[in-house]
């Protein structure tokens, strides 16, 4: 993906920017860190529930970041394929053009 536009005006620069932004967003996700909460006393159950909720959110955050990286890789592969089709189509049109 070295050109800014392909033969039939496939905007590679914008696509590359979107893929890079997706990867940056995925890399920027950080787990939530909780301060020390009481494990005994009247708020012990609440503390345990908060810890469980934060653990679940952190797990989902990790899954989402991995999925975003996988999606970016797929976008890159599909863009490469689309550029090949775009380029070969443009060559065919050049042969048909007067």
PDB file of N, CA and C in Angstrom:
ATOM      1  N   UNK A   1       0.835  -1.181   0.000  1.00  0.00           N
ATOM      2  CA  UNK A   1       0.000   0.000   0.000  1.00  0.00           C
ATOM      3  C   UNK A   1       0.878   1.241   0.000  1.00  0.00           C
ATOM      4  N   UNK A   2       1.600   1.420  -1.071  1.00  0.00           N
ATOM      5  CA  UNK A   2       2.563   2.505  -1.120  1.00  0.00           C
ATOM      6  C   UNK A   2       2.052   3.752  -1.822  1.00  0.00           C
ATOM      7  N   UNK A   3       0.928   3.686  -2.524  1.00  0.00           N
ATOM      8  CA  UNK A   3       0.430   4.866  -3.224  1.00  0.00           C
ATOM      9  C   UNK A   3      -0.712   5.482  -2.443  1.00  0.00           C
ATOM     10  N   UNK A   4      -0.958   6.769  -2.681  1.00  0.00           N
ATOM     11  CA  UNK A   4      -2.053   7.418  -1.969  1.00  0.00           C
ATOM     12  C   UNK A   4      -3.400   7.092  -2.602  1.00  0.00           C
ATOM     13  N   UNK A   5      -3.410   6.820  -3.893  1.00  0.00           N
ATOM     14  CA  UNK A   5      -4.628   6.406  -4.584  1.00  0.00           C
ATOM     15  C   UNK A   5      -4.263   5.310  -5.571  1.00  0.00           C
ATOM     16  N   UNK A   6      -5.188   4.404  -5.766  1.00  0.00           N
ATOM     17  CA  UNK A   6      -4.949   3.339  -6.726  1.00  0.00           C
ATOM     18  C   UNK A   6      -5.389   3.810  -8.102  1.00  0.00           C
ATOM     19  N   UNK A   7      -5.379   2.917  -9.052  1.00  0.00           N
ATOM     20  CA  UNK A   7      -5.688   3.269 -10.429  1.00  0.00           C
ATOM     21  C   UNK A   7      -7.096   3.825 -10.621  1.00  0.00           C
ATOM     22  N   UNK A   8      -8.053   3.309  -9.880  1.00  0.00           N
ATOM     23  CA  UNK A   8      -9.436   3.773 -10.011  1.00  0.00           C
ATOM     24  C   UNK A   8      -9.876   4.603  -8.805  1.00  0.00           C
ATOM     25  N   UNK A   9      -8.942   5.252  -8.164  1.00  0.00           N
ATOM     26  CA  UNK A   9      -9.214   6.135  -7.037  1.00  0.00           C
ATOM     27  C   UNK A   9      -9.691   5.383  -5.804  1.00  0.00           C
ATOM     28  N   UNK A  10      -8.947   4.401  -5.415  1.00  0.00           N
ATOM     29  CA  UNK A  10      -9.145   3.677  -4.162  1.00  0.00           C
ATOM     30  C   UNK A  10      -8.282   4.395  -3.141  1.00  0.00           C
ATOM     31  N   UNK A  11      -8.862   5.090  -2.187  1.00  0.00           N
ATOM     32  CA  UNK A  11      -8.129   5.993  -1.289  1.00  0.00           C
ATOM     33  C   UNK A  11      -7.352   5.214  -0.218  1.00  0.00           C
ATOM     34  N   UNK A  12      -6.157   4.814  -0.574  1.00  0.00           N
ATOM     35  CA  UNK A  12      -5.323   3.995   0.299  1.00  0.00           C
ATOM     36  C   UNK A  12      -4.876   4.774   1.534  1.00  0.00           C
ATOM     37  N   UNK A  13      -4.600   6.051   1.372  1.00  0.00           N
ATOM     38  CA  UNK A  13      -4.126   6.860   2.500  1.00  0.00           C
ATOM     39  C   UNK A  13      -5.164   6.878   3.630  1.00  0.00           C
ATOM     40  N   UNK A  14      -6.410   7.103   3.281  1.00  0.00           N
ATOM     41  CA  UNK A  14      -7.471   7.136   4.296  1.00  0.00           C
ATOM     42  C   UNK A  14      -7.639   5.778   4.951  1.00  0.00           C
ATOM     43  N   UNK A  15      -7.615   4.729   4.147  1.00  0.00           N
ATOM     44  CA  UNK A  15      -7.757   3.375   4.695  1.00  0.00           C
ATOM     45  C   UNK A  15      -6.606   3.065   5.642  1.00  0.00           C
ATOM     46  N   UNK A  16      -5.393   3.393   5.230  1.00  0.00           N
ATOM     47  CA  UNK A  16      -4.215   3.151   6.060  1.00  0.00           C
ATOM     48  C   UNK A  16      -4.318   3.922   7.377  1.00  0.00           C
ATOM     49  N   UNK A  17      -4.811   5.147   7.314  1.00  0.00           N
ATOM     50  CA  UNK A  17      -5.007   5.940   8.532  1.00  0.00           C
ATOM     51  C   UNK A  17      -6.023   5.282   9.469  1.00  0.00           C
ATOM     52  N   UNK A  18      -7.126   4.797   8.907  1.00  0.00           N
ATOM     53  CA  UNK A  18      -8.151   4.145   9.738  1.00  0.00           C
ATOM     54  C   UNK A  18      -7.603   2.877  10.391  1.00  0.00           C
ATOM     55  N   UNK A  19      -6.843   2.110   9.646  1.00  0.00           N
ATOM     56  CA  UNK A  19      -6.258   0.887  10.207  1.00  0.00           C
ATOM     57  C   UNK A  19      -5.274   1.242  11.325  1.00  0.00           C
ATOM     58  N   UNK A  20      -4.450   2.247  11.085  1.00  0.00           N
ATOM     59  CA  UNK A  20      -3.485   2.671  12.110  1.00  0.00           C
ATOM     60  C   UNK A  20      -4.208   3.177  13.356  1.00  0.00           C
ATOM     61  N   UNK A  21      -5.283   3.942  13.166  1.00  0.00           N
ATOM     62  CA  UNK A  21      -6.056   4.439  14.309  1.00  0.00           C
ATOM     63  C   UNK A  21      -6.682   3.294  15.101  1.00  0.00           C
ATOM     64  N   UNK A  22      -7.177   2.291  14.392  1.00  0.00           N
ATOM     65  CA  UNK A  22      -7.753   1.140  15.074  1.00  0.00           C
ATOM     66  C   UNK A  22      -6.700   0.425  15.909  1.00  0.00           C
ATOM     67  N   UNK A  23      -5.523   0.243  15.338  1.00  0.00           N
ATOM     68  CA  UNK A  23      -4.435  -0.414  16.083  1.00  0.00           C
ATOM     69  C   UNK A  23      -3.993   0.438  17.280  1.00  0.00           C
ATOM     70  N   UNK A  24      -3.902   1.748  17.090  1.00  0.00           N
ATOM     71  CA  UNK A  24      -3.514   2.629  18.204  1.00  0.00           C
ATOM     72  C   UNK A  24      -4.544   2.579  19.326  1.00  0.00           C
ATOM     73  N   UNK A  25      -5.823   2.600  18.958  1.00  0.00           N
ATOM     74  CA  UNK A  25      -6.874   2.535  19.979  1.00  0.00           C
ATOM     75  C   UNK A  25      -6.812   1.210  20.734  1.00  0.00           C
ATOM     76  N   UNK A  26      -6.587   0.132  19.998  1.00  0.00           N
ATOM     77  CA  UNK A  26      -6.497  -1.178  20.648  1.00  0.00           C
ATOM     78  C   UNK A  26      -5.300  -1.243  21.589  1.00  0.00           C
ATOM     79  N   UNK A  27      -4.181  -0.673  21.152  1.00  0.00           N
ATOM     80  CA  UNK A  27      -2.978  -0.694  21.986  1.00  0.00           C
ATOM     81  C   UNK A  27      -3.119   0.208  23.217  1.00  0.00           C
ATOM     82  N   UNK A  28      -3.980   1.206  23.127  1.00  0.00           N
ATOM     83  CA  UNK A  28      -4.132   2.167  24.222  1.00  0.00           C
ATOM     84  C   UNK A  28      -5.075   1.685  25.324  1.00  0.00           C
ATOM     85  N   UNK A  29      -5.773   0.598  25.086  1.00  0.00           N
ATOM     86  CA  UNK A  29      -6.683   0.115  26.131  1.00  0.00           C
ATOM     87  C   UNK A  29      -5.874  -0.361  27.335  1.00  0.00           C
ATOM     88  N   UNK A  30      -6.311   0.046  28.485  1.00  0.00           N
ATOM     89  CA  UNK A  30      -5.621  -0.293  29.725  1.00  0.00           C
ATOM     90  C   UNK A  30      -6.625  -0.904  30.703  1.00  0.00           C
ATOM     91  N   UNK A  31      -6.189  -1.891  31.462  1.00  0.00           N
ATOM     92  CA  UNK A  31      -7.101  -2.453  32.466  1.00  0.00           C
ATOM     93  C   UNK A  31      -7.370  -1.434  33.580  1.00  0.00           C
ATOM     94  N   UNK A  32      -8.507  -1.579  34.197  1.00  0.00           N
ATOM     95  CA  UNK A  32      -8.863  -0.708  35.314  1.00  0.00           C
ATOM     96  C   UNK A  32      -8.163  -1.232  36.565  1.00  0.00           C
ATOM     97  N   UNK A  33      -7.520  -0.336  37.265  1.00  0.00           N
ATOM     98  CA  UNK A  33      -6.862  -0.702  38.526  1.00  0.00           C
ATOM     99  C   UNK A  33      -7.682  -0.112  39.677  1.00  0.00           C
ATOM    100  N   UNK A  34      -8.029  -0.966  40.603  1.00  0.00           N
ATOM    101  CA  UNK A  34      -8.814  -0.518  41.751  1.00  0.00           C
ATOM    102  C   UNK A  34      -7.914  -0.174  42.926  1.00  0.00           C
ATOM    103  N   UNK A  35      -8.324   0.808  43.712  1.00  0.00           N
ATOM    104  CA  UNK A  35      -7.606   1.039  44.966  1.00  0.00           C
ATOM    105  C   UNK A  35      -7.950  -0.101  45.925  1.00  0.00           C
ATOM    106  N   UNK A  36      -7.234  -0.173  46.984  1.00  0.00           N
ATOM    107  CA  UNK A  36      -7.479  -1.205  47.983  1.00  0.00           C
ATOM    108  C   UNK A  36      -8.855  -0.995  48.604  1.00  0.00           C
ATOM    109  N   UNK A  37      -9.674  -2.025  48.553  1.00  0.00           N
ATOM    110  CA  UNK A  37     -11.012  -1.960  49.141  1.00  0.00           C
ATOM    111  C   UNK A  37     -11.080  -2.928  50.319  1.00  0.00           C
ATOM    112  N   UNK A  38     -11.897  -2.604  51.312  1.00  0.00           N
ATOM    113  CA  UNK A  38     -11.995  -3.480  52.490  1.00  0.00           C
ATOM    114  C   UNK A  38     -12.530  -4.855  52.115  1.00  0.00           C
ATOM    115  N   UNK A  39     -11.914  -5.875  52.676  1.00  0.00           N
ATOM    116  CA  UNK A  39     -12.344  -7.248  52.412  1.00  0.00           C
ATOM    117  C   UNK A  39     -13.159  -7.823  53.565  1.00  0.00           C
ATOM    118  N   UNK A  40     -13.352  -7.028  54.585  1.00  0.00           N
ATOM    119  CA  UNK A  40     -14.139  -7.471  55.739  1.00  0.00           C
ATOM    120  C   UNK A  40     -15.039  -6.325  56.168  1.00  0.00           C
ATOM    121  N   UNK A  41     -15.992  -6.645  56.977  1.00  0.00           N
ATOM    122  CA  UNK A  41     -16.868  -5.609  57.502  1.00  0.00           C
ATOM    123  C   UNK A  41     -18.117  -5.434  56.656  1.00  0.00           C
ATOM    124  N   UNK A  42     -18.819  -4.334  56.898  1.00  0.00           N
ATOM    125  CA  UNK A  42     -20.126  -4.134  56.261  1.00  0.00           C
ATOM    126  C   UNK A  42     -20.061  -3.942  54.736  1.00  0.00           C
ATOM    127  N   UNK A  43     -18.918  -3.558  54.188  1.00  0.00           N
ATOM    128  CA  UNK A  43     -18.824  -3.338  52.737  1.00  0.00           C
ATOM    129  C   UNK A  43     -18.078  -4.462  52.022  1.00  0.00           C
ATOM    130  N   UNK A  44     -17.837  -5.553  52.713  1.00  0.00           N
ATOM    131  CA  UNK A  44     -17.082  -6.659  52.122  1.00  0.00           C
ATOM    132  C   UNK A  44     -17.776  -7.221  50.885  1.00  0.00           C
ATOM    133  N   UNK A  45     -19.097  -7.398  50.952  1.00  0.00           N
ATOM    134  CA  UNK A  45     -19.832  -7.941  49.810  1.00  0.00           C
ATOM    135  C   UNK A  45     -19.787  -6.972  48.623  1.00  0.00           C
ATOM    136  N   UNK A  46     -19.943  -5.696  48.927  1.00  0.00           N
ATOM    137  CA  UNK A  46     -19.866  -4.682  47.870  1.00  0.00           C
ATOM    138  C   UNK A  46     -18.472  -4.670  47.251  1.00  0.00           C
ATOM    139  N   UNK A  47     -17.458  -4.741  48.074  1.00  0.00           N
ATOM    140  CA  UNK A  47     -16.078  -4.764  47.602  1.00  0.00           C
ATOM    141  C   UNK A  47     -15.839  -5.965  46.688  1.00  0.00           C
ATOM    142  N   UNK A  48     -16.343  -7.127  47.088  1.00  0.00           N
ATOM    143  CA  UNK A  48     -16.179  -8.330  46.265  1.00  0.00           C
ATOM    144  C   UNK A  48     -16.908  -8.182  44.937  1.00  0.00           C
ATOM    145  N   UNK A  49     -18.088  -7.585  44.964  1.00  0.00           N
ATOM    146  CA  UNK A  49     -18.859  -7.379  43.732  1.00  0.00           C
ATOM    147  C   UNK A  49     -18.143  -6.403  42.802  1.00  0.00           C
ATOM    148  N   UNK A  50     -17.581  -5.351  43.362  1.00  0.00           N
ATOM    149  CA  UNK A  50     -16.843  -4.375  42.548  1.00  0.00           C
ATOM    150  C   UNK A  50     -15.616  -5.042  41.928  1.00  0.00           C
ATOM    151  N   UNK A  51     -14.893  -5.823  42.710  1.00  0.00           N
ATOM    152  CA  UNK A  51     -13.716  -6.530  42.181  1.00  0.00           C
ATOM    153  C   UNK A  51     -14.111  -7.483  41.053  1.00  0.00           C
ATOM    154  N   UNK A  52     -15.215  -8.210  41.229  1.00  0.00           N
ATOM    155  CA  UNK A  52     -15.676  -9.142  40.194  1.00  0.00           C
ATOM    156  C   UNK A  52     -16.080  -8.386  38.930  1.00  0.00           C
ATOM    157  N   UNK A  53     -16.768  -7.264  39.104  1.00  0.00           N
ATOM    158  CA  UNK A  53     -17.203  -6.473  37.948  1.00  0.00           C
ATOM    159  C   UNK A  53     -15.999  -5.914  37.194  1.00  0.00           C
ATOM    160  N   UNK A  54     -15.027  -5.397  37.920  1.00  0.00           N
ATOM    161  CA  UNK A  54     -13.834  -4.835  37.281  1.00  0.00           C
ATOM    162  C   UNK A  54     -13.032  -5.933  36.582  1.00  0.00           C
ATOM    163  N   UNK A  55     -12.949  -7.105  37.179  1.00  0.00           N
ATOM    164  CA  UNK A  55     -12.252  -8.227  36.540  1.00  0.00           C
ATOM    165  C   UNK A  55     -12.940  -8.601  35.229  1.00  0.00           C
ATOM    166  N   UNK A  56     -14.270  -8.615  35.232  1.00  0.00           N
ATOM    167  CA  UNK A  56     -15.015  -8.933  34.009  1.00  0.00           C
ATOM    168  C   UNK A  56     -14.797  -7.865  32.942  1.00  0.00           C
ATOM    169  N   UNK A  57     -14.812  -6.611  33.353  1.00  0.00           N
ATOM    170  CA  UNK A  57     -14.583  -5.512  32.403  1.00  0.00           C
ATOM    171  C   UNK A  57     -13.173  -5.600  31.823  1.00  0.00           C
ATOM    172  N   UNK A  58     -12.202  -5.872  32.668  1.00  0.00           N
ATOM    173  CA  UNK A  58     -10.823  -5.993  32.184  1.00  0.00           C
ATOM    174  C   UNK A  58     -10.677  -7.146  31.196  1.00  0.00           C
ATOM    175  N   UNK A  59     -11.374  -8.245  31.471  1.00  0.00           N
ATOM    176  CA  UNK A  59     -11.327  -9.378  30.543  1.00  0.00           C
ATOM    177  C   UNK A  59     -11.942  -8.997  29.192  1.00  0.00           C
ATOM    178  N   UNK A  60     -13.071  -8.310  29.228  1.00  0.00           N
ATOM    179  CA  UNK A  60     -13.719  -7.868  27.993  1.00  0.00           C
ATOM    180  C   UNK A  60     -12.859  -6.843  27.254  1.00  0.00           C
ATOM    181  N   UNK A  61     -12.191  -5.988  27.988  1.00  0.00           N
ATOM    182  CA  UNK A  61     -11.298  -5.003  27.369  1.00  0.00           C
ATOM    183  C   UNK A  61     -10.174  -5.697  26.622  1.00  0.00           C
ATOM    184  N   UNK A  62      -9.606  -6.723  27.234  1.00  0.00           N
ATOM    185  CA  UNK A  62      -8.549  -7.486  26.580  1.00  0.00           C
ATOM    186  C   UNK A  62      -9.065  -8.177  25.317  1.00  0.00           C
ATOM    187  N   UNK A  63     -10.242  -8.789  25.412  1.00  0.00           N
ATOM    188  CA  UNK A  63     -10.841  -9.447  24.249  1.00  0.00           C
ATOM    189  C   UNK A  63     -11.114  -8.442  23.135  1.00  0.00           C
ATOM    190  N   UNK A  64     -11.617  -7.269  23.497  1.00  0.00           N
ATOM    191  CA  UNK A  64     -11.913  -6.233  22.510  1.00  0.00           C
ATOM    192  C   UNK A  64     -10.637  -5.741  21.827  1.00  0.00           C
ATOM    193  N   UNK A  65      -9.570  -5.557  22.589  1.00  0.00           N
ATOM    194  CA  UNK A  65      -8.298  -5.107  22.007  1.00  0.00           C
ATOM    195  C   UNK A  65      -7.755  -6.156  21.034  1.00  0.00           C
ATOM    196  N   UNK A  66      -7.834  -7.429  21.420  1.00  0.00           N
ATOM    197  CA  UNK A  66      -7.358  -8.487  20.515  1.00  0.00           C
ATOM    198  C   UNK A  66      -8.211  -8.551  19.249  1.00  0.00           C
ATOM    199  N   UNK A  67      -9.514  -8.369  19.406  1.00  0.00           N
ATOM    200  CA  UNK A  67     -10.405  -8.384  18.242  1.00  0.00           C
ATOM    201  C   UNK A  67     -10.130  -7.187  17.329  1.00  0.00           C
ATOM    202  N   UNK A  68      -9.831  -6.042  17.905  1.00  0.00           N
ATOM    203  CA  UNK A  68      -9.504  -4.869  17.098  1.00  0.00           C
ATOM    204  C   UNK A  68      -8.222  -5.089  16.296  1.00  0.00           C
ATOM    205  N   UNK A  69      -7.223  -5.716  16.910  1.00  0.00           N
ATOM    206  CA  UNK A  69      -5.988  -6.034  16.176  1.00  0.00           C
ATOM    207  C   UNK A  69      -6.263  -7.034  15.056  1.00  0.00           C
ATOM    208  N   UNK A  70      -7.113  -8.021  15.327  1.00  0.00           N
ATOM    209  CA  UNK A  70      -7.465  -9.006  14.297  1.00  0.00           C
ATOM    210  C   UNK A  70      -8.230  -8.337  13.157  1.00  0.00           C
ATOM    211  N   UNK A  71      -9.139  -7.437  13.505  1.00  0.00           N
ATOM    212  CA  UNK A  71      -9.905  -6.706  12.497  1.00  0.00           C
ATOM    213  C   UNK A  71      -8.989  -5.844  11.643  1.00  0.00           C
ATOM    214  N   UNK A  72      -8.019  -5.181  12.267  1.00  0.00           N
ATOM    215  CA  UNK A  72      -7.063  -4.362  11.513  1.00  0.00           C
ATOM    216  C   UNK A  72      -6.266  -5.218  10.534  1.00  0.00           C
ATOM    217  N   UNK A  73      -5.851  -6.385  10.964  1.00  0.00           N
ATOM    218  CA  UNK A  73      -5.114  -7.282  10.065  1.00  0.00           C
ATOM    219  C   UNK A  73      -5.998  -7.713   8.895  1.00  0.00           C
ATOM    220  N   UNK A  74      -7.266  -8.003   9.173  1.00  0.00           N
ATOM    221  CA  UNK A  74      -8.197  -8.360   8.100  1.00  0.00           C
ATOM    222  C   UNK A  74      -8.431  -7.191   7.158  1.00  0.00           C
ATOM    223  N   UNK A  75      -8.560  -5.996   7.709  1.00  0.00           N
ATOM    224  CA  UNK A  75      -8.738  -4.813   6.862  1.00  0.00           C
ATOM    225  C   UNK A  75      -7.547  -4.635   5.927  1.00  0.00           C
ATOM    226  N   UNK A  76      -6.357  -4.859   6.448  1.00  0.00           N
ATOM    227  CA  UNK A  76      -5.165  -4.755   5.615  1.00  0.00           C
ATOM    228  C   UNK A  76      -5.179  -5.785   4.497  1.00  0.00           C
ATOM    229  N   UNK A  77      -5.532  -7.013   4.830  1.00  0.00           N
ATOM    230  CA  UNK A  77      -5.577  -8.077   3.814  1.00  0.00           C
ATOM    231  C   UNK A  77      -6.638  -7.772   2.760  1.00  0.00           C
ATOM    232  N   UNK A  78      -7.819  -7.330   3.183  1.00  0.00           N
ATOM    233  CA  UNK A  78      -8.874  -7.014   2.231  1.00  0.00           C
ATOM    234  C   UNK A  78      -8.505  -5.807   1.371  1.00  0.00           C
ATOM    235  N   UNK A  79      -7.829  -4.831   1.961  1.00  0.00           N
ATOM    236  CA  UNK A  79      -7.397  -3.668   1.197  1.00  0.00           C
ATOM    237  C   UNK A  79      -6.401  -4.075   0.126  1.00  0.00           C
ATOM    238  N   UNK A  80      -5.463  -4.942   0.476  1.00  0.00           N
ATOM    239  CA  UNK A  80      -4.487  -5.424  -0.495  1.00  0.00           C
ATOM    240  C   UNK A  80      -5.194  -6.131  -1.646  1.00  0.00           C
ATOM    241  N   UNK A  81      -6.157  -6.977  -1.317  1.00  0.00           N
ATOM    242  CA  UNK A  81      -6.917  -7.671  -2.357  1.00  0.00           C
ATOM    243  C   UNK A  81      -7.722  -6.718  -3.207  1.00  0.00           C
ATOM    244  N   UNK A  82      -8.360  -5.748  -2.578  1.00  0.00           N
ATOM    245  CA  UNK A  82      -9.150  -4.771  -3.335  1.00  0.00           C
ATOM    246  C   UNK A  82      -8.267  -3.950  -4.258  1.00  0.00           C
ATOM    247  N   UNK A  83      -7.084  -3.609  -3.797  1.00  0.00           N
ATOM    248  CA  UNK A  83      -6.154  -2.855  -4.654  1.00  0.00           C
ATOM    249  C   UNK A  83      -5.748  -3.674  -5.871  1.00  0.00           C
ATOM    250  N   UNK A  84      -5.534  -4.954  -5.685  1.00  0.00           N
ATOM    251  CA  UNK A  84      -5.181  -5.815  -6.821  1.00  0.00           C
ATOM    252  C   UNK A  84      -6.312  -5.867  -7.834  1.00  0.00           C
ATOM    253  N   UNK A  85      -7.541  -6.020  -7.341  1.00  0.00           N
ATOM    254  CA  UNK A  85      -8.698  -6.041  -8.236  1.00  0.00           C
ATOM    255  C   UNK A  85      -8.837  -4.683  -8.916  1.00  0.00           C
ATOM    256  N   UNK A  86      -8.678  -3.629  -8.154  1.00  0.00           N
ATOM    257  CA  UNK A  86      -8.797  -2.271  -8.684  1.00  0.00           C
ATOM    258  C   UNK A  86      -7.768  -2.032  -9.788  1.00  0.00           C
ATOM    259  N   UNK A  87      -6.540  -2.419  -9.538  1.00  0.00           N
ATOM    260  CA  UNK A  87      -5.478  -2.219 -10.513  1.00  0.00           C
ATOM    261  C   UNK A  87      -5.726  -3.035 -11.778  1.00  0.00           C
ATOM    262  N   UNK A  88      -6.111  -4.303 -11.622  1.00  0.00           N
ATOM    263  CA  UNK A  88      -6.344  -5.129 -12.811  1.00  0.00           C
ATOM    264  C   UNK A  88      -7.554  -4.640 -13.590  1.00  0.00           C
ATOM    265  N   UNK A  89      -8.587  -4.148 -12.887  1.00  0.00           N
ATOM    266  CA  UNK A  89      -9.760  -3.585 -13.566  1.00  0.00           C
ATOM    267  C   UNK A  89      -9.377  -2.337 -14.338  1.00  0.00           C
ATOM    268  N   UNK A  90      -8.541  -1.497 -13.742  1.00  0.00           N
ATOM    269  CA  UNK A  90      -8.106  -0.285 -14.434  1.00  0.00           C
ATOM    270  C   UNK A  90      -7.325  -0.641 -15.698  1.00  0.00           C
ATOM    271  N   UNK A  91      -6.518  -1.679 -15.647  1.00  0.00           N
ATOM    272  CA  UNK A  91      -5.767  -2.113 -16.837  1.00  0.00           C
ATOM    273  C   UNK A  91      -6.713  -2.592 -17.930  1.00  0.00           C
ATOM    274  N   UNK A  92      -7.779  -3.299 -17.536  1.00  0.00           N
ATOM    275  CA  UNK A  92      -8.752  -3.761 -18.527  1.00  0.00           C
ATOM    276  C   UNK A  92      -9.453  -2.557 -19.148  1.00  0.00           C
ATOM    277  N   UNK A  93      -9.842  -1.583 -18.330  1.00  0.00           N
ATOM    278  CA  UNK A  93     -10.497  -0.394 -18.865  1.00  0.00           C
ATOM    279  C   UNK A  93      -9.583   0.392 -19.801  1.00  0.00           C
ATOM    280  N   UNK A  94      -8.302   0.428 -19.495  1.00  0.00           N
ATOM    281  CA  UNK A  94      -7.356   1.117 -20.383  1.00  0.00           C
ATOM    282  C   UNK A  94      -7.346   0.451 -21.758  1.00  0.00           C
ATOM    283  N   UNK A  95      -7.487  -0.865 -21.794  1.00  0.00           N
ATOM    284  CA  UNK A  95      -7.500  -1.582 -23.065  1.00  0.00           C
ATOM    285  C   UNK A  95      -8.781  -1.337 -23.844  1.00  0.00           C
ATOM    286  N   UNK A  96      -9.868  -0.962 -23.154  1.00  0.00           N
ATOM    287  CA  UNK A  96     -11.156  -0.736 -23.799  1.00  0.00           C
ATOM    288  C   UNK A  96     -11.319   0.735 -24.199  1.00  0.00           C
ATOM    289  N   UNK A  97     -10.658   1.611 -23.470  1.00  0.00           N
ATOM    290  CA  UNK A  97     -10.830   3.051 -23.700  1.00  0.00           C
ATOM    291  C   UNK A  97     -10.359   3.431 -25.095  1.00  0.00           C
ATOM    292  N   UNK A  98     -11.081   4.398 -25.745  1.00  0.00           N
ATOM    293  CA  UNK A  98     -10.667   4.829 -27.104  1.00  0.00           C
ATOM    294  C   UNK A  98      -9.378   5.602 -27.090  1.00  0.00           C
TER     295      UNK A  98
END
